[in-house]
Amino acid sequence: MNITVIGCGNAGLIHAAKMIERGFKVGILKTSNVTNEDFFSLIKKEGGYNVKDETNGGNRFWVKPEFITKDVEKAV
């Protein structure tokens, strides 16, 4: 199943990470041009982001979405 998470704030990124961890193909669509621009640019450049999973002993893991974009056409 392919999934697009709309929004790359904290909640969107954590939800994406949890679905990727479960084996889903997940992409991230950034919808706002106002907040988190620097972070969006960084995760796009790096191709992913680190997550600290407090529900799993605080383990950190690398999340690599299928895509990270502002392009709605690509996201859907």
N, C-alpha and C. Protein backbone atom coordinates (compact mmCIF):
# COMPACT_ATOMS: atom_id res chain seq x y z
N MET A 1 0.84 -1.17 0.00
CA MET A 1 0.00 0.00 0.00
C MET A 1 0.89 1.24 0.00
N ASN A 2 0.58 2.20 -0.84
CA ASN A 2 1.29 3.47 -0.88
C ASN A 2 0.48 4.52 -0.12
N ILE A 3 1.17 5.26 0.73
CA ILE A 3 0.51 6.25 1.58
C ILE A 3 1.26 7.57 1.46
N THR A 4 0.50 8.67 1.41
CA THR A 4 1.09 10.01 1.48
C THR A 4 0.62 10.67 2.77
N VAL A 5 1.57 11.09 3.58
CA VAL A 5 1.26 11.84 4.79
C VAL A 5 1.29 13.31 4.40
N ILE A 6 0.21 14.01 4.70
CA ILE A 6 0.11 15.43 4.37
C ILE A 6 0.52 16.22 5.61
N GLY A 7 1.61 16.95 5.46
CA GLY A 7 2.15 17.75 6.55
C GLY A 7 3.42 17.11 7.09
N CYS A 8 4.45 17.92 7.28
CA CYS A 8 5.70 17.36 7.82
C CYS A 8 6.09 18.03 9.13
N GLY A 9 5.07 18.28 9.95
CA GLY A 9 5.32 18.70 11.32
C GLY A 9 5.60 17.46 12.15
N ASN A 10 5.70 17.64 13.45
CA ASN A 10 6.02 16.51 14.34
C ASN A 10 5.07 15.33 14.17
N ALA A 11 3.78 15.60 14.17
CA ALA A 11 2.80 14.51 14.08
C ALA A 11 2.90 13.78 12.75
N GLY A 12 3.02 14.52 11.66
CA GLY A 12 3.11 13.89 10.34
C GLY A 12 4.35 13.03 10.22
N LEU A 13 5.48 13.52 10.70
CA LEU A 13 6.73 12.77 10.60
C LEU A 13 6.71 11.51 11.46
N ILE A 14 6.13 11.60 12.64
CA ILE A 14 6.05 10.41 13.50
C ILE A 14 5.10 9.39 12.90
N HIS A 15 3.96 9.84 12.39
CA HIS A 15 3.03 8.89 11.76
C HIS A 15 3.68 8.22 10.56
N ALA A 16 4.38 8.99 9.75
CA ALA A 16 5.09 8.42 8.60
C ALA A 16 6.10 7.38 9.07
N ALA A 17 6.87 7.71 10.10
CA ALA A 17 7.89 6.79 10.61
C ALA A 17 7.28 5.48 11.08
N LYS A 18 6.18 5.57 11.80
CA LYS A 18 5.53 4.36 12.32
C LYS A 18 5.00 3.48 11.18
N MET A 19 4.46 4.10 10.14
CA MET A 19 3.95 3.31 9.01
C MET A 19 5.10 2.69 8.22
N ILE A 20 6.20 3.44 8.04
CA ILE A 20 7.37 2.90 7.36
C ILE A 20 7.94 1.73 8.16
N GLU A 21 7.98 1.87 9.46
CA GLU A 21 8.47 0.81 10.34
C GLU A 21 7.65 -0.48 10.16
N ARG A 22 6.39 -0.32 9.84
CA ARG A 22 5.50 -1.47 9.65
C ARG A 22 5.51 -1.99 8.20
N GLY A 23 6.35 -1.38 7.35
CA GLY A 23 6.52 -1.91 6.00
C GLY A 23 5.74 -1.22 4.91
N PHE A 24 5.01 -0.16 5.22
CA PHE A 24 4.28 0.57 4.19
C PHE A 24 5.21 1.48 3.40
N LYS A 25 4.88 1.74 2.16
CA LYS A 25 5.59 2.73 1.35
C LYS A 25 4.93 4.07 1.60
N VAL A 26 5.69 5.00 2.19
CA VAL A 26 5.12 6.27 2.65
C VAL A 26 5.91 7.43 2.07
N GLY A 27 5.19 8.42 1.57
CA GLY A 27 5.78 9.67 1.14
C GLY A 27 5.26 10.80 2.00
N ILE A 28 5.96 11.92 1.97
CA ILE A 28 5.58 13.08 2.79
C ILE A 28 5.37 14.28 1.89
N LEU A 29 4.22 14.93 2.06
CA LEU A 29 3.88 16.14 1.33
C LEU A 29 3.85 17.31 2.30
N LYS A 30 4.71 18.29 2.08
CA LYS A 30 4.70 19.52 2.89
C LYS A 30 3.72 20.49 2.25
N THR A 31 2.80 20.99 3.04
CA THR A 31 1.74 21.84 2.50
C THR A 31 1.92 23.32 2.83
N SER A 32 2.68 23.62 3.87
CA SER A 32 2.83 25.01 4.30
C SER A 32 4.15 25.58 3.81
N ASN A 33 4.13 26.83 3.43
CA ASN A 33 5.36 27.52 3.07
C ASN A 33 5.84 28.42 4.20
N VAL A 34 5.18 28.34 5.33
CA VAL A 34 5.45 29.28 6.41
C VAL A 34 6.38 28.69 7.47
N THR A 35 6.13 27.48 7.92
CA THR A 35 6.90 26.92 9.03
C THR A 35 7.79 25.76 8.61
N ASN A 36 8.81 25.53 9.40
CA ASN A 36 9.71 24.38 9.25
C ASN A 36 10.43 24.31 7.90
N GLU A 37 10.65 25.43 7.24
CA GLU A 37 11.32 25.42 5.93
C GLU A 37 12.73 24.85 6.02
N ASP A 38 13.48 25.25 7.05
CA ASP A 38 14.85 24.76 7.18
C ASP A 38 14.88 23.25 7.39
N PHE A 39 14.00 22.76 8.25
CA PHE A 39 13.96 21.33 8.52
C PHE A 39 13.52 20.56 7.28
N PHE A 40 12.51 21.07 6.58
CA PHE A 40 12.07 20.43 5.35
C PHE A 40 13.22 20.34 4.35
N SER A 41 13.95 21.43 4.17
CA SER A 41 15.09 21.42 3.25
C SER A 41 16.13 20.39 3.66
N LEU A 42 16.37 20.27 4.96
CA LEU A 42 17.36 19.32 5.45
C LEU A 42 16.93 17.87 5.21
N ILE A 43 15.69 17.52 5.56
CA ILE A 43 15.28 16.13 5.37
C ILE A 43 15.16 15.78 3.90
N LYS A 44 14.80 16.75 3.08
CA LYS A 44 14.76 16.51 1.63
C LYS A 44 16.17 16.24 1.11
N LYS A 45 17.13 17.07 1.53
CA LYS A 45 18.52 16.90 1.10
C LYS A 45 19.09 15.56 1.58
N GLU A 46 18.81 15.21 2.83
CA GLU A 46 19.34 13.98 3.42
C GLU A 46 18.57 12.74 2.98
N GLY A 47 17.34 12.93 2.48
CA GLY A 47 16.53 11.79 2.05
C GLY A 47 15.83 11.07 3.18
N GLY A 48 15.80 11.69 4.37
CA GLY A 48 15.14 11.07 5.50
C GLY A 48 15.46 11.82 6.78
N TYR A 49 15.14 11.18 7.90
CA TYR A 49 15.32 11.84 9.20
C TYR A 49 15.42 10.79 10.30
N ASN A 50 16.00 11.17 11.43
CA ASN A 50 16.10 10.30 12.59
C ASN A 50 14.88 10.47 13.48
N VAL A 51 14.47 9.37 14.10
CA VAL A 51 13.35 9.38 15.04
C VAL A 51 13.82 8.73 16.33
N LYS A 52 13.47 9.32 17.44
CA LYS A 52 13.71 8.70 18.75
C LYS A 52 12.37 8.15 19.21
N ASP A 53 12.28 6.85 19.30
CA ASP A 53 11.03 6.17 19.63
C ASP A 53 10.92 5.96 21.13
N GLU A 54 10.21 6.85 21.80
CA GLU A 54 10.04 6.77 23.26
C GLU A 54 9.19 5.58 23.67
N THR A 55 8.40 5.03 22.76
CA THR A 55 7.57 3.86 23.09
C THR A 55 8.37 2.57 23.00
N ASN A 56 9.62 2.66 22.53
CA ASN A 56 10.44 1.47 22.35
C ASN A 56 11.81 1.67 23.01
N GLY A 57 11.80 2.11 24.26
CA GLY A 57 13.04 2.27 25.01
C GLY A 57 13.91 3.43 24.57
N GLY A 58 13.36 4.37 23.81
CA GLY A 58 14.14 5.52 23.38
C GLY A 58 15.10 5.22 22.23
N ASN A 59 14.88 4.09 21.55
CA ASN A 59 15.74 3.74 20.42
C ASN A 59 15.59 4.74 19.29
N ARG A 60 16.69 5.00 18.61
CA ARG A 60 16.69 5.89 17.45
C ARG A 60 16.76 5.05 16.19
N PHE A 61 16.05 5.51 15.16
CA PHE A 61 16.15 4.83 13.88
C PHE A 61 16.00 5.83 12.75
N TRP A 62 16.58 5.49 11.61
CA TRP A 62 16.57 6.34 10.42
C TRP A 62 15.32 6.02 9.61
N VAL A 63 14.62 7.06 9.20
CA VAL A 63 13.40 6.93 8.40
C VAL A 63 13.69 7.46 7.01
N LYS A 64 13.40 6.65 5.99
CA LYS A 64 13.61 7.06 4.61
C LYS A 64 12.30 6.91 3.85
N PRO A 65 11.54 8.01 3.75
CA PRO A 65 10.28 7.96 2.99
C PRO A 65 10.55 7.74 1.49
N GLU A 66 9.54 7.30 0.79
CA GLU A 66 9.63 7.13 -0.67
C GLU A 66 9.91 8.46 -1.35
N PHE A 67 9.33 9.53 -0.82
CA PHE A 67 9.57 10.88 -1.33
C PHE A 67 9.27 11.89 -0.25
N ILE A 68 9.87 13.07 -0.38
CA ILE A 68 9.62 14.22 0.49
C ILE A 68 9.47 15.39 -0.46
N THR A 69 8.27 15.96 -0.53
CA THR A 69 8.01 16.93 -1.58
C THR A 69 7.00 17.98 -1.17
N LYS A 70 6.95 19.04 -1.96
CA LYS A 70 5.88 20.04 -1.90
C LYS A 70 4.99 19.91 -3.13
N ASP A 71 5.34 19.03 -4.03
CA ASP A 71 4.64 18.84 -5.30
C ASP A 71 3.43 17.93 -5.14
N VAL A 72 2.24 18.51 -5.14
CA VAL A 72 1.01 17.75 -4.92
C VAL A 72 0.84 16.67 -5.99
N GLU A 73 1.17 16.98 -7.24
CA GLU A 73 1.03 16.00 -8.32
C GLU A 73 1.86 14.76 -8.02
N LYS A 74 3.08 14.93 -7.57
CA LYS A 74 3.95 13.79 -7.25
C LYS A 74 3.40 13.01 -6.06
N ALA A 75 2.85 13.73 -5.11
CA ALA A 75 2.38 13.10 -3.88
C ALA A 75 1.14 12.24 -4.06
N VAL A 76 0.33 12.58 -5.04
CA VAL A 76 -0.89 11.80 -5.26
C VAL A 76 -0.77 11.00 -6.52
